Amino acid sequence: MFRGLLVLAAVGLLVYALTDCVTAQEKRPAGAPKALWILAIVLLPVLGPVLWLVLSRSPGAGTSTGAVHGSRPSGPVAPDDDPDFLRRLDQERRRRERHDRRSAPRDDTNQDPSA
């Protein structure tokens, strides 16, 4: 049973590392051609995937600019990080408030309560 779990974990690691390598954006991820990494991942059952996962995520891996695999994009990631989106959201909220004030029933406070 335990041996089966180890084999299953090794196969899962292999599939994950292979998928990660194939979908990597760089032509030379972790300093070597993709084809070499794919061979290493497939032919070295546990060592290949572990090496790929460690070396592909180390700073400076694969490029001379020091970009890290999977680094965050430079622009806004979520809507609440986007200043234009937040500005439009604020404008829409103000527009709704003005509309609600105009369409709300008015109280006539100038009437004489004794009448």
PDB file of N, CA and C in Angstrom:
ATOM      1  N   MET A   1       0.825  -1.201   0.000  1.00  0.00           N
ATOM      2  CA  MET A   1       0.000   0.000   0.000  1.00  0.00           C
ATOM      3  C   MET A   1       0.868   1.263   0.000  1.00  0.00           C
ATOM      4  N   PHE A   2       1.874   1.274   0.899  1.00  0.00           N
ATOM      5  CA  PHE A   2       2.754   2.431   1.001  1.00  0.00           C
ATOM      6  C   PHE A   2       3.545   2.610  -0.294  1.00  0.00           C
ATOM      7  N   ARG A   3       4.004   1.494  -0.859  1.00  0.00           N
ATOM      8  CA  ARG A   3       4.756   1.543  -2.109  1.00  0.00           C
ATOM      9  C   ARG A   3       3.889   2.121  -3.235  1.00  0.00           C
ATOM     10  N   GLY A   4       2.615   1.754  -3.251  1.00  0.00           N
ATOM     11  CA  GLY A   4       1.691   2.276  -4.257  1.00  0.00           C
ATOM     12  C   GLY A   4       1.521   3.779  -4.133  1.00  0.00           C
ATOM     13  N   LEU A   5       1.463   4.288  -2.896  1.00  0.00           N
ATOM     14  CA  LEU A   5       1.349   5.734  -2.682  1.00  0.00           C
ATOM     15  C   LEU A   5       2.607   6.463  -3.147  1.00  0.00           C
ATOM     16  N   LEU A   6       3.779   5.855  -2.907  1.00  0.00           N
ATOM     17  CA  LEU A   6       5.024   6.473  -3.367  1.00  0.00           C
ATOM     18  C   LEU A   6       5.068   6.538  -4.894  1.00  0.00           C
ATOM     19  N   VAL A   7       4.642   5.459  -5.541  1.00  0.00           N
ATOM     20  CA  VAL A   7       4.616   5.451  -7.006  1.00  0.00           C
ATOM     21  C   VAL A   7       3.638   6.500  -7.514  1.00  0.00           C
ATOM     22  N   LEU A   8       2.474   6.591  -6.885  1.00  0.00           N
ATOM     23  CA  LEU A   8       1.476   7.572  -7.283  1.00  0.00           C
ATOM     24  C   LEU A   8       2.003   9.003  -7.099  1.00  0.00           C
ATOM     25  N   ALA A   9       2.702   9.250  -5.990  1.00  0.00           N
ATOM     26  CA  ALA A   9       3.281  10.573  -5.746  1.00  0.00           C
ATOM     27  C   ALA A   9       4.350  10.895  -6.783  1.00  0.00           C
ATOM     28  N   ALA A  10       5.184   9.898  -7.132  1.00  0.00           N
ATOM     29  CA  ALA A  10       6.238  10.117  -8.130  1.00  0.00           C
ATOM     30  C   ALA A  10       5.631  10.414  -9.500  1.00  0.00           C
ATOM     31  N   VAL A  11       4.577   9.713  -9.865  1.00  0.00           N
ATOM     32  CA  VAL A  11       3.920   9.950 -11.152  1.00  0.00           C
ATOM     33  C   VAL A  11       3.262  11.334 -11.162  1.00  0.00           C
ATOM     34  N   GLY A  12       2.619  11.700 -10.057  1.00  0.00           N
ATOM     35  CA  GLY A  12       2.007  13.027  -9.964  1.00  0.00           C
ATOM     36  C   GLY A  12       3.044  14.136 -10.070  1.00  0.00           C
ATOM     37  N   LEU A  13       4.177  13.947  -9.401  1.00  0.00           N
ATOM     38  CA  LEU A  13       5.263  14.925  -9.472  1.00  0.00           C
ATOM     39  C   LEU A  13       5.795  15.030 -10.896  1.00  0.00           C
ATOM     40  N   LEU A  14       5.951  13.882 -11.561  1.00  0.00           N
ATOM     41  CA  LEU A  14       6.433  13.859 -12.939  1.00  0.00           C
ATOM     42  C   LEU A  14       5.467  14.609 -13.858  1.00  0.00           C
ATOM     43  N   VAL A  15       4.183  14.342 -13.726  1.00  0.00           N
ATOM     44  CA  VAL A  15       3.183  14.993 -14.584  1.00  0.00           C
ATOM     45  C   VAL A  15       3.158  16.500 -14.331  1.00  0.00           C
ATOM     46  N   TYR A  16       3.211  16.897 -13.070  1.00  0.00           N
ATOM     47  CA  TYR A  16       3.192  18.323 -12.743  1.00  0.00           C
ATOM     48  C   TYR A  16       4.428  19.030 -13.301  1.00  0.00           C
ATOM     49  N   ALA A  17       5.613  18.455 -13.078  1.00  0.00           N
ATOM     50  CA  ALA A  17       6.848  19.083 -13.541  1.00  0.00           C
ATOM     51  C   ALA A  17       6.895  19.125 -15.066  1.00  0.00           C
ATOM     52  N   LEU A  18       6.448  18.058 -15.707  1.00  0.00           N
ATOM     53  CA  LEU A  18       6.443  18.016 -17.165  1.00  0.00           C
ATOM     54  C   LEU A  18       5.500  19.084 -17.740  1.00  0.00           C
ATOM     55  N   THR A  19       4.328  19.201 -17.166  1.00  0.00           N
ATOM     56  CA  THR A  19       3.367  20.220 -17.613  1.00  0.00           C
ATOM     57  C   THR A  19       3.928  21.622 -17.380  1.00  0.00           C
ATOM     58  N   ASP A  20       4.536  21.834 -16.231  1.00  0.00           N
ATOM     59  CA  ASP A  20       5.110  23.135 -15.907  1.00  0.00           C
ATOM     60  C   ASP A  20       6.234  23.485 -16.875  1.00  0.00           C
ATOM     61  N   CYS A  21       7.057  22.512 -17.207  1.00  0.00           N
ATOM     62  CA  CYS A  21       8.166  22.741 -18.130  1.00  0.00           C
ATOM     63  C   CYS A  21       7.658  23.056 -19.532  1.00  0.00           C
ATOM     64  N   VAL A  22       6.697  22.291 -20.002  1.00  0.00           N
ATOM     65  CA  VAL A  22       6.188  22.487 -21.357  1.00  0.00           C
ATOM     66  C   VAL A  22       5.502  23.840 -21.497  1.00  0.00           C
ATOM     67  N   THR A  23       4.819  24.292 -20.459  1.00  0.00           N
ATOM     68  CA  THR A  23       4.091  25.557 -20.538  1.00  0.00           C
ATOM     69  C   THR A  23       4.925  26.763 -20.106  1.00  0.00           C
ATOM     70  N   ALA A  24       6.200  26.556 -19.773  1.00  0.00           N
ATOM     71  CA  ALA A  24       7.069  27.671 -19.371  1.00  0.00           C
ATOM     72  C   ALA A  24       7.218  28.641 -20.531  1.00  0.00           C
ATOM     73  N   GLN A  25       7.216  29.936 -20.258  1.00  0.00           N
ATOM     74  CA  GLN A  25       7.283  30.966 -21.286  1.00  0.00           C
ATOM     75  C   GLN A  25       8.676  31.091 -21.899  1.00  0.00           C
ATOM     76  N   GLU A  26       9.704  30.846 -21.115  1.00  0.00           N
ATOM     77  CA  GLU A  26      11.066  31.026 -21.612  1.00  0.00           C
ATOM     78  C   GLU A  26      11.458  29.906 -22.573  1.00  0.00           C
ATOM     79  N   LYS A  27      12.372  30.230 -23.501  1.00  0.00           N
ATOM     80  CA  LYS A  27      12.876  29.203 -24.413  1.00  0.00           C
ATOM     81  C   LYS A  27      13.917  28.337 -23.721  1.00  0.00           C
ATOM     82  N   ARG A  28      14.625  28.927 -22.756  1.00  0.00           N
ATOM     83  CA  ARG A  28      15.644  28.193 -22.002  1.00  0.00           C
ATOM     84  C   ARG A  28      15.336  28.306 -20.511  1.00  0.00           C
ATOM     85  N   PRO A  29      14.292  27.637 -20.050  1.00  0.00           N
ATOM     86  CA  PRO A  29      13.968  27.720 -18.628  1.00  0.00           C
ATOM     87  C   PRO A  29      15.057  27.082 -17.784  1.00  0.00           C
ATOM     88  N   ALA A  30      15.373  27.711 -16.684  1.00  0.00           N
ATOM     89  CA  ALA A  30      16.372  27.229 -15.728  1.00  0.00           C
ATOM     90  C   ALA A  30      17.723  26.988 -16.394  1.00  0.00           C
ATOM     91  N   GLY A  31      18.055  27.756 -17.436  1.00  0.00           N
ATOM     92  CA  GLY A  31      19.377  27.719 -18.022  1.00  0.00           C
ATOM     93  C   GLY A  31      19.649  26.605 -19.009  1.00  0.00           C
ATOM     94  N   ALA A  32      18.676  25.801 -19.362  1.00  0.00           N
ATOM     95  CA  ALA A  32      18.877  24.716 -20.319  1.00  0.00           C
ATOM     96  C   ALA A  32      17.704  24.691 -21.299  1.00  0.00           C
ATOM     97  N   PRO A  33      17.920  24.129 -22.488  1.00  0.00           N
ATOM     98  CA  PRO A  33      16.809  24.046 -23.446  1.00  0.00           C
ATOM     99  C   PRO A  33      15.661  23.205 -22.903  1.00  0.00           C
ATOM    100  N   LYS A  34      14.460  23.529 -23.346  1.00  0.00           N
ATOM    101  CA  LYS A  34      13.279  22.795 -22.879  1.00  0.00           C
ATOM    102  C   LYS A  34      13.386  21.303 -23.159  1.00  0.00           C
ATOM    103  N   ALA A  35      13.889  20.948 -24.330  1.00  0.00           N
ATOM    104  CA  ALA A  35      13.988  19.525 -24.689  1.00  0.00           C
ATOM    105  C   ALA A  35      14.854  18.763 -23.691  1.00  0.00           C
ATOM    106  N   LEU A  36      15.941  19.377 -23.244  1.00  0.00           N
ATOM    107  CA  LEU A  36      16.811  18.733 -22.260  1.00  0.00           C
ATOM    108  C   LEU A  36      16.080  18.563 -20.925  1.00  0.00           C
ATOM    109  N   TRP A  37      15.331  19.571 -20.531  1.00  0.00           N
ATOM    110  CA  TRP A  37      14.572  19.471 -19.278  1.00  0.00           C
ATOM    111  C   TRP A  37      13.503  18.389 -19.379  1.00  0.00           C
ATOM    112  N   ILE A  38      12.833  18.317 -20.515  1.00  0.00           N
ATOM    113  CA  ILE A  38      11.791  17.289 -20.681  1.00  0.00           C
ATOM    114  C   ILE A  38      12.410  15.899 -20.576  1.00  0.00           C
ATOM    115  N   LEU A  39      13.561  15.698 -21.219  1.00  0.00           N
ATOM    116  CA  LEU A  39      14.253  14.405 -21.109  1.00  0.00           C
ATOM    117  C   LEU A  39      14.654  14.108 -19.666  1.00  0.00           C
ATOM    118  N   ALA A  40      15.185  15.108 -18.972  1.00  0.00           N
ATOM    119  CA  ALA A  40      15.605  14.899 -17.583  1.00  0.00           C
ATOM    120  C   ALA A  40      14.416  14.552 -16.692  1.00  0.00           C
ATOM    121  N   ILE A  41      13.297  15.226 -16.900  1.00  0.00           N
ATOM    122  CA  ILE A  41      12.103  14.971 -16.091  1.00  0.00           C
ATOM    123  C   ILE A  41      11.583  13.562 -16.330  1.00  0.00           C
ATOM    124  N   VAL A  42      11.596  13.123 -17.584  1.00  0.00           N
ATOM    125  CA  VAL A  42      11.045  11.807 -17.915  1.00  0.00           C
ATOM    126  C   VAL A  42      12.017  10.689 -17.547  1.00  0.00           C
ATOM    127  N   LEU A  43      13.324  10.888 -17.815  1.00  0.00           N
ATOM    128  CA  LEU A  43      14.291   9.806 -17.610  1.00  0.00           C
ATOM    129  C   LEU A  43      14.807   9.689 -16.181  1.00  0.00           C
ATOM    130  N   LEU A  44      14.734  10.731 -15.409  1.00  0.00           N
ATOM    131  CA  LEU A  44      15.154  10.687 -14.001  1.00  0.00           C
ATOM    132  C   LEU A  44      13.895  10.817 -13.148  1.00  0.00           C
ATOM    133  N   PRO A  45      13.270   9.709 -12.802  1.00  0.00           N
ATOM    134  CA  PRO A  45      11.922   9.704 -12.237  1.00  0.00           C
ATOM    135  C   PRO A  45      11.645  10.708 -11.116  1.00  0.00           C
ATOM    136  N   VAL A  46      12.420  10.766 -10.083  1.00  0.00           N
ATOM    137  CA  VAL A  46      12.134  11.700  -8.998  1.00  0.00           C
ATOM    138  C   VAL A  46      13.098  12.877  -9.040  1.00  0.00           C
ATOM    139  N   LEU A  47      14.355  12.602  -9.353  1.00  0.00           N
ATOM    140  CA  LEU A  47      15.374  13.646  -9.355  1.00  0.00           C
ATOM    141  C   LEU A  47      15.104  14.709 -10.424  1.00  0.00           C
ATOM    142  N   GLY A  48      14.690  14.305 -11.621  1.00  0.00           N
ATOM    143  CA  GLY A  48      14.411  15.256 -12.696  1.00  0.00           C
ATOM    144  C   GLY A  48      13.329  16.262 -12.335  1.00  0.00           C
ATOM    145  N   PRO A  49      12.141  15.789 -11.902  1.00  0.00           N
ATOM    146  CA  PRO A  49      11.100  16.749 -11.515  1.00  0.00           C
ATOM    147  C   PRO A  49      11.490  17.646 -10.347  1.00  0.00           C
ATOM    148  N   VAL A  50      12.194  17.077  -9.366  1.00  0.00           N
ATOM    149  CA  VAL A  50      12.606  17.897  -8.212  1.00  0.00           C
ATOM    150  C   VAL A  50      13.602  18.958  -8.656  1.00  0.00           C
ATOM    151  N   LEU A  51      14.573  18.574  -9.489  1.00  0.00           N
ATOM    152  CA  LEU A  51      15.529  19.562 -10.006  1.00  0.00           C
ATOM    153  C   LEU A  51      14.817  20.657 -10.788  1.00  0.00           C
ATOM    154  N   TRP A  52      13.869  20.266 -11.626  1.00  0.00           N
ATOM    155  CA  TRP A  52      13.114  21.259 -12.404  1.00  0.00           C
ATOM    156  C   TRP A  52      12.393  22.235 -11.480  1.00  0.00           C
ATOM    157  N   LEU A  53      11.701  21.705 -10.490  1.00  0.00           N
ATOM    158  CA  LEU A  53      10.921  22.572  -9.608  1.00  0.00           C
ATOM    159  C   LEU A  53      11.813  23.505  -8.797  1.00  0.00           C
ATOM    160  N   VAL A  54      12.962  23.030  -8.374  1.00  0.00           N
ATOM    161  CA  VAL A  54      13.860  23.870  -7.576  1.00  0.00           C
ATOM    162  C   VAL A  54      14.563  24.902  -8.453  1.00  0.00           C
ATOM    163  N   LEU A  55      15.135  24.457  -9.560  1.00  0.00           N
ATOM    164  CA  LEU A  55      15.936  25.364 -10.388  1.00  0.00           C
ATOM    165  C   LEU A  55      15.099  26.337 -11.211  1.00  0.00           C
ATOM    166  N   SER A  56      13.908  25.953 -11.593  1.00  0.00           N
ATOM    167  CA  SER A  56      13.097  26.862 -12.407  1.00  0.00           C
ATOM    168  C   SER A  56      12.511  27.999 -11.582  1.00  0.00           C
ATOM    169  N   ARG A  57      12.505  27.860 -10.286  1.00  0.00           N
ATOM    170  CA  ARG A  57      11.952  28.907  -9.428  1.00  0.00           C
ATOM    171  C   ARG A  57      13.009  29.699  -8.670  1.00  0.00           C
ATOM    172  N   SER A  58      14.265  29.400  -8.905  1.00  0.00           N
ATOM    173  CA  SER A  58      15.314  30.154  -8.234  1.00  0.00           C
ATOM    174  C   SER A  58      15.503  31.496  -8.934  1.00  0.00           C
ATOM    175  N   PRO A  59      15.895  32.553  -8.213  1.00  0.00           N
ATOM    176  CA  PRO A  59      16.074  33.873  -8.822  1.00  0.00           C
ATOM    177  C   PRO A  59      17.121  33.807  -9.936  1.00  0.00           C
ATOM    178  N   GLY A  60      16.791  34.422 -11.062  1.00  0.00           N
ATOM    179  CA  GLY A  60      17.712  34.474 -12.186  1.00  0.00           C
ATOM    180  C   GLY A  60      17.691  33.233 -13.055  1.00  0.00           C
ATOM    181  N   ALA A  61      16.791  32.315 -12.815  1.00  0.00           N
ATOM    182  CA  ALA A  61      16.757  31.079 -13.592  1.00  0.00           C
ATOM    183  C   ALA A  61      16.276  31.342 -15.006  1.00  0.00           C
ATOM    184  N   GLY A  62      17.073  30.919 -15.968  1.00  0.00           N
ATOM    185  CA  GLY A  62      16.636  30.936 -17.353  1.00  0.00           C
ATOM    186  C   GLY A  62      16.878  32.208 -18.132  1.00  0.00           C
ATOM    187  N   THR A  63      16.965  33.343 -17.504  1.00  0.00           N
ATOM    188  CA  THR A  63      17.152  34.580 -18.251  1.00  0.00           C
ATOM    189  C   THR A  63      18.276  35.381 -17.643  1.00  0.00           C
ATOM    190  N   SER A  64      18.875  36.226 -18.441  1.00  0.00           N
ATOM    191  CA  SER A  64      19.969  37.055 -17.949  1.00  0.00           C
ATOM    192  C   SER A  64      19.448  38.283 -17.210  1.00  0.00           C
ATOM    193  N   THR A  65      18.144  38.558 -17.307  1.00  0.00           N
ATOM    194  CA  THR A  65      17.586  39.737 -16.643  1.00  0.00           C
ATOM    195  C   THR A  65      17.229  39.455 -15.199  1.00  0.00           C
ATOM    196  N   GLY A  66      17.285  38.197 -14.779  1.00  0.00           N
ATOM    197  CA  GLY A  66      16.968  37.863 -13.402  1.00  0.00           C
ATOM    198  C   GLY A  66      15.492  37.673 -13.163  1.00  0.00           C
ATOM    199  N   ALA A  67      14.700  37.505 -14.207  1.00  0.00           N
ATOM    200  CA  ALA A  67      13.261  37.302 -14.025  1.00  0.00           C
ATOM    201  C   ALA A  67      13.001  35.939 -13.412  1.00  0.00           C
ATOM    202  N   VAL A  68      12.080  35.875 -12.510  1.00  0.00           N
ATOM    203  CA  VAL A  68      11.729  34.629 -11.849  1.00  0.00           C
ATOM    204  C   VAL A  68      10.566  34.001 -12.591  1.00  0.00           C
ATOM    205  N   HIS A  69      10.623  32.708 -12.808  1.00  0.00           N
ATOM    206  CA  HIS A  69       9.528  31.990 -13.475  1.00  0.00           C
ATOM    207  C   HIS A  69       8.253  32.197 -12.676  1.00  0.00           C
ATOM    208  N   GLY A  70       7.208  32.623 -13.352  1.00  0.00           N
ATOM    209  CA  GLY A  70       5.935  32.833 -12.669  1.00  0.00           C
ATOM    210  C   GLY A  70       5.854  34.172 -11.957  1.00  0.00           C
ATOM    211  N   SER A  71       6.690  35.129 -12.344  1.00  0.00           N
ATOM    212  CA  SER A  71       6.639  36.424 -11.672  1.00  0.00           C
ATOM    213  C   SER A  71       5.336  37.137 -12.011  1.00  0.00           C
ATOM    214  N   ARG A  72       4.949  38.077 -11.153  1.00  0.00           N
ATOM    215  CA  ARG A  72       3.679  38.786 -11.314  1.00  0.00           C
ATOM    216  C   ARG A  72       3.741  39.750 -12.482  1.00  0.00           C
ATOM    217  N   PRO A  73       2.633  39.916 -13.175  1.00  0.00           N
ATOM    218  CA  PRO A  73       2.590  40.899 -14.258  1.00  0.00           C
ATOM    219  C   PRO A  73       2.739  42.310 -13.713  1.00  0.00           C
ATOM    220  N   SER A  74       3.192  43.219 -14.573  1.00  0.00           N
ATOM    221  CA  SER A  74       3.460  44.579 -14.109  1.00  0.00           C
ATOM    222  C   SER A  74       2.191  45.398 -13.915  1.00  0.00           C
ATOM    223  N   GLY A  75       1.111  45.065 -14.608  1.00  0.00           N
ATOM    224  CA  GLY A  75      -0.131  45.822 -14.498  1.00  0.00           C
ATOM    225  C   GLY A  75      -0.994  45.325 -13.347  1.00  0.00           C
ATOM    226  N   PRO A  76      -2.178  45.914 -13.184  1.00  0.00           N
ATOM    227  CA  PRO A  76      -3.080  45.484 -12.122  1.00  0.00           C
ATOM    228  C   PRO A  76      -3.506  44.035 -12.321  1.00  0.00           C
ATOM    229  N   VAL A  77      -3.611  43.313 -11.222  1.00  0.00           N
ATOM    230  CA  VAL A  77      -3.990  41.910 -11.279  1.00  0.00           C
ATOM    231  C   VAL A  77      -5.485  41.759 -11.037  1.00  0.00           C
ATOM    232  N   ALA A  78      -5.992  42.457 -10.062  1.00  0.00           N
ATOM    233  CA  ALA A  78      -7.408  42.370  -9.713  1.00  0.00           C
ATOM    234  C   ALA A  78      -8.065  43.718  -9.970  1.00  0.00           C
ATOM    235  N   PRO A  79      -9.386  43.728 -10.128  1.00  0.00           N
ATOM    236  CA  PRO A  79     -10.067  45.006 -10.383  1.00  0.00           C
ATOM    237  C   PRO A  79      -9.815  46.049  -9.299  1.00  0.00           C
ATOM    238  N   ASP A  80      -9.708  45.617  -8.053  1.00  0.00           N
ATOM    239  CA  ASP A  80      -9.510  46.606  -7.000  1.00  0.00           C
ATOM    240  C   ASP A  80      -8.075  47.143  -6.960  1.00  0.00           C
ATOM    241  N   ASP A  81      -7.186  46.625  -7.820  1.00  0.00           N
ATOM    242  CA  ASP A  81      -5.838  47.168  -7.950  1.00  0.00           C
ATOM    243  C   ASP A  81      -5.748  48.181  -9.087  1.00  0.00           C
ATOM    244  N   ASP A  82      -6.781  48.281  -9.894  1.00  0.00           N
ATOM    245  CA  ASP A  82      -6.773  49.127 -11.080  1.00  0.00           C
ATOM    246  C   ASP A  82      -7.356  50.498 -10.745  1.00  0.00           C
ATOM    247  N   PRO A  83      -6.550  51.567 -10.807  1.00  0.00           N
ATOM    248  CA  PRO A  83      -7.062  52.896 -10.458  1.00  0.00           C
ATOM    249  C   PRO A  83      -8.195  53.360 -11.365  1.00  0.00           C
ATOM    250  N   ASP A  84      -8.138  53.009 -12.652  1.00  0.00           N
ATOM    251  CA  ASP A  84      -9.223  53.405 -13.563  1.00  0.00           C
ATOM    252  C   ASP A  84     -10.536  52.739 -13.167  1.00  0.00           C
ATOM    253  N   PHE A  85     -10.462  51.466 -12.813  1.00  0.00           N
ATOM    254  CA  PHE A  85     -11.664  50.755 -12.381  1.00  0.00           C
ATOM    255  C   PHE A  85     -12.225  51.380 -11.115  1.00  0.00           C
ATOM    256  N   LEU A  86     -11.364  51.716 -10.161  1.00  0.00           N
ATOM    257  CA  LEU A  86     -11.829  52.318  -8.905  1.00  0.00           C
ATOM    258  C   LEU A  86     -12.451  53.694  -9.158  1.00  0.00           C
ATOM    259  N   ARG A  87     -11.874  54.469 -10.078  1.00  0.00           N
ATOM    260  CA  ARG A  87     -12.432  55.782 -10.395  1.00  0.00           C
ATOM    261  C   ARG A  87     -13.821  55.634 -11.018  1.00  0.00           C
ATOM    262  N   ARG A  88     -13.954  54.702 -11.982  1.00  0.00           N
ATOM    263  CA  ARG A  88     -15.266  54.478 -12.607  1.00  0.00           C
ATOM    264  C   ARG A  88     -16.280  53.980 -11.592  1.00  0.00           C
ATOM    265  N   LEU A  89     -15.847  53.152 -10.674  1.00  0.00           N
ATOM    266  CA  LEU A  89     -16.739  52.646  -9.635  1.00  0.00           C
ATOM    267  C   LEU A  89     -17.230  53.785  -8.746  1.00  0.00           C
ATOM    268  N   ASP A  90     -16.334  54.708  -8.389  1.00  0.00           N
ATOM    269  CA  ASP A  90     -16.713  55.855  -7.569  1.00  0.00           C
ATOM    270  C   ASP A  90     -17.673  56.774  -8.330  1.00  0.00           C
ATOM    271  N   GLN A  91     -17.413  56.985  -9.611  1.00  0.00           N
ATOM    272  CA  GLN A  91     -18.317  57.815 -10.416  1.00  0.00           C
ATOM    273  C   GLN A  91     -19.704  57.190 -10.499  1.00  0.00           C
ATOM    274  N   GLU A  92     -19.758  55.898 -10.688  1.00  0.00           N
ATOM    275  CA  GLU A  92     -21.052  55.205 -10.758  1.00  0.00           C
ATOM    276  C   GLU A  92     -21.798  55.302  -9.425  1.00  0.00           C
ATOM    277  N   ARG A  93     -21.080  55.162  -8.315  1.00  0.00           N
ATOM    278  CA  ARG A  93     -21.715  55.282  -6.995  1.00  0.00           C
ATOM    279  C   ARG A  93     -22.287  56.683  -6.799  1.00  0.00           C
ATOM    280  N   ARG A  94     -21.528  57.722  -7.179  1.00  0.00           N
ATOM    281  CA  ARG A  94     -22.017  59.100  -7.049  1.00  0.00           C
ATOM    282  C   ARG A  94     -23.230  59.341  -7.939  1.00  0.00           C
ATOM    283  N   ARG A  95     -23.186  58.785  -9.152  1.00  0.00           N
ATOM    284  CA  ARG A  95     -24.307  58.934 -10.082  1.00  0.00           C
ATOM    285  C   ARG A  95     -25.568  58.289  -9.497  1.00  0.00           C
ATOM    286  N   ARG A  96     -25.426  57.107  -8.904  1.00  0.00           N
ATOM    287  CA  ARG A  96     -26.575  56.429  -8.289  1.00  0.00           C
ATOM    288  C   ARG A  96     -27.122  57.225  -7.106  1.00  0.00           C
ATOM    289  N   GLU A  97     -26.224  57.797  -6.309  1.00  0.00           N
ATOM    290  CA  GLU A  97     -26.679  58.603  -5.167  1.00  0.00           C
ATOM    291  C   GLU A  97     -27.461  59.826  -5.638  1.00  0.00           C
ATOM    292  N   ARG A  98     -26.967  60.493  -6.680  1.00  0.00           N
ATOM    293  CA  ARG A  98     -27.699  61.648  -7.211  1.00  0.00           C
ATOM    294  C   ARG A  98     -29.060  61.225  -7.737  1.00  0.00           C
ATOM    295  N   HIS A  99     -29.117  60.137  -8.431  1.00  0.00           N
ATOM    296  CA  HIS A  99     -30.378  59.634  -8.985  1.00  0.00           C
ATOM    297  C   HIS A  99     -31.346  59.280  -7.853  1.00  0.00           C
ATOM    298  N   ASP A 100     -30.828  58.644  -6.803  1.00  0.00           N
ATOM    299  CA  ASP A 100     -31.692  58.277  -5.672  1.00  0.00           C
ATOM    300  C   ASP A 100     -32.232  59.518  -4.966  1.00  0.00           C
ATOM    301  N   ARG A 101     -31.382  60.543  -4.846  1.00  0.00           N
ATOM    302  CA  ARG A 101     -31.843  61.780  -4.201  1.00  0.00           C
ATOM    303  C   ARG A 101     -32.928  62.460  -5.022  1.00  0.00           C
ATOM    304  N   ARG A 102     -32.793  62.436  -6.324  1.00  0.00           N
ATOM    305  CA  ARG A 102     -33.794  63.074  -7.186  1.00  0.00           C
ATOM    306  C   ARG A 102     -35.110  62.307  -7.185  1.00  0.00           C
ATOM    307  N   SER A 103     -35.031  60.990  -7.163  1.00  0.00           N
ATOM    308  CA  SER A 103     -36.257  60.199  -7.262  1.00  0.00           C
ATOM    309  C   SER A 103     -36.893  59.909  -5.904  1.00  0.00           C
ATOM    310  N   ALA A 104     -36.230  60.263  -4.810  1.00  0.00           N
ATOM    311  CA  ALA A 104     -36.799  60.025  -3.477  1.00  0.00           C
ATOM    312  C   ALA A 104     -37.943  60.998  -3.227  1.00  0.00           C
ATOM    313  N   PRO A 105     -39.010  60.551  -2.542  1.00  0.00           N
ATOM    314  CA  PRO A 105     -40.123  61.479  -2.225  1.00  0.00           C
ATOM    315  C   PRO A 105     -39.624  62.572  -1.290  1.00  0.00           C
ATOM    316  N   ARG A 106     -40.105  63.786  -1.555  1.00  0.00           N
ATOM    317  CA  ARG A 106     -39.669  64.923  -0.746  1.00  0.00           C
ATOM    318  C   ARG A 106     -40.634  65.166   0.392  1.00  0.00           C
ATOM    319  N   ASP A 107     -40.073  65.509   1.545  1.00  0.00           N
ATOM    320  CA  ASP A 107     -40.900  65.918   2.693  1.00  0.00           C
ATOM    321  C   ASP A 107     -41.141  67.405   2.576  1.00  0.00           C
ATOM    322  N   ASP A 108     -42.369  67.804   2.789  1.00  0.00           N
ATOM    323  CA  ASP A 108     -42.683  69.223   2.741  1.00  0.00           C
ATOM    324  C   ASP A 108     -42.586  69.764   4.170  1.00  0.00           C
ATOM    325  N   THR A 109     -41.421  70.260   4.557  1.00  0.00           N
ATOM    326  CA  THR A 109     -41.211  70.739   5.918  1.00  0.00           C
ATOM    327  C   THR A 109     -41.700  72.162   6.114  1.00  0.00           C
ATOM    328  N   ASN A 110     -42.131  72.836   5.056  1.00  0.00           N
ATOM    329  CA  ASN A 110     -42.602  74.214   5.168  1.00  0.00           C
ATOM    330  C   ASN A 110     -44.071  74.292   5.555  1.00  0.00           C
ATOM    331  N   GLN A 111     -44.745  73.163   5.644  1.00  0.00           N
ATOM    332  CA  GLN A 111     -46.172  73.194   6.000  1.00  0.00           C
ATOM    333  C   GLN A 111     -46.332  73.503   7.485  1.00  0.00           C
ATOM    334  N   ASP A 112     -47.412  74.140   7.815  1.00  0.00           N
ATOM    335  CA  ASP A 112     -47.723  74.478   9.191  1.00  0.00           C
ATOM    336  C   ASP A 112     -48.320  73.228   9.869  1.00  0.00           C
ATOM    337  N   PRO A 113     -47.693  72.728  10.938  1.00  0.00           N
ATOM    338  CA  PRO A 113     -48.186  71.501  11.580  1.00  0.00           C
ATOM    339  C   PRO A 113     -49.543  71.699  12.276  1.00  0.00           C
ATOM    340  N   SER A 114     -49.925  72.923  12.589  1.00  0.00           N
ATOM    341  CA  SER A 114     -51.196  73.164  13.280  1.00  0.00           C
ATOM    342  C   SER A 114     -52.368  73.169  12.310  1.00  0.00           C
ATOM    343  N   ALA A 115     -52.134  73.146  11.031  1.00  0.00           N
ATOM    344  CA  ALA A 115     -53.217  73.258  10.059  1.00  0.00           C
ATOM    345  C   ALA A 115     -53.923  71.976   9.825  1.00  0.00           C
TER     346      ALA A 115
END
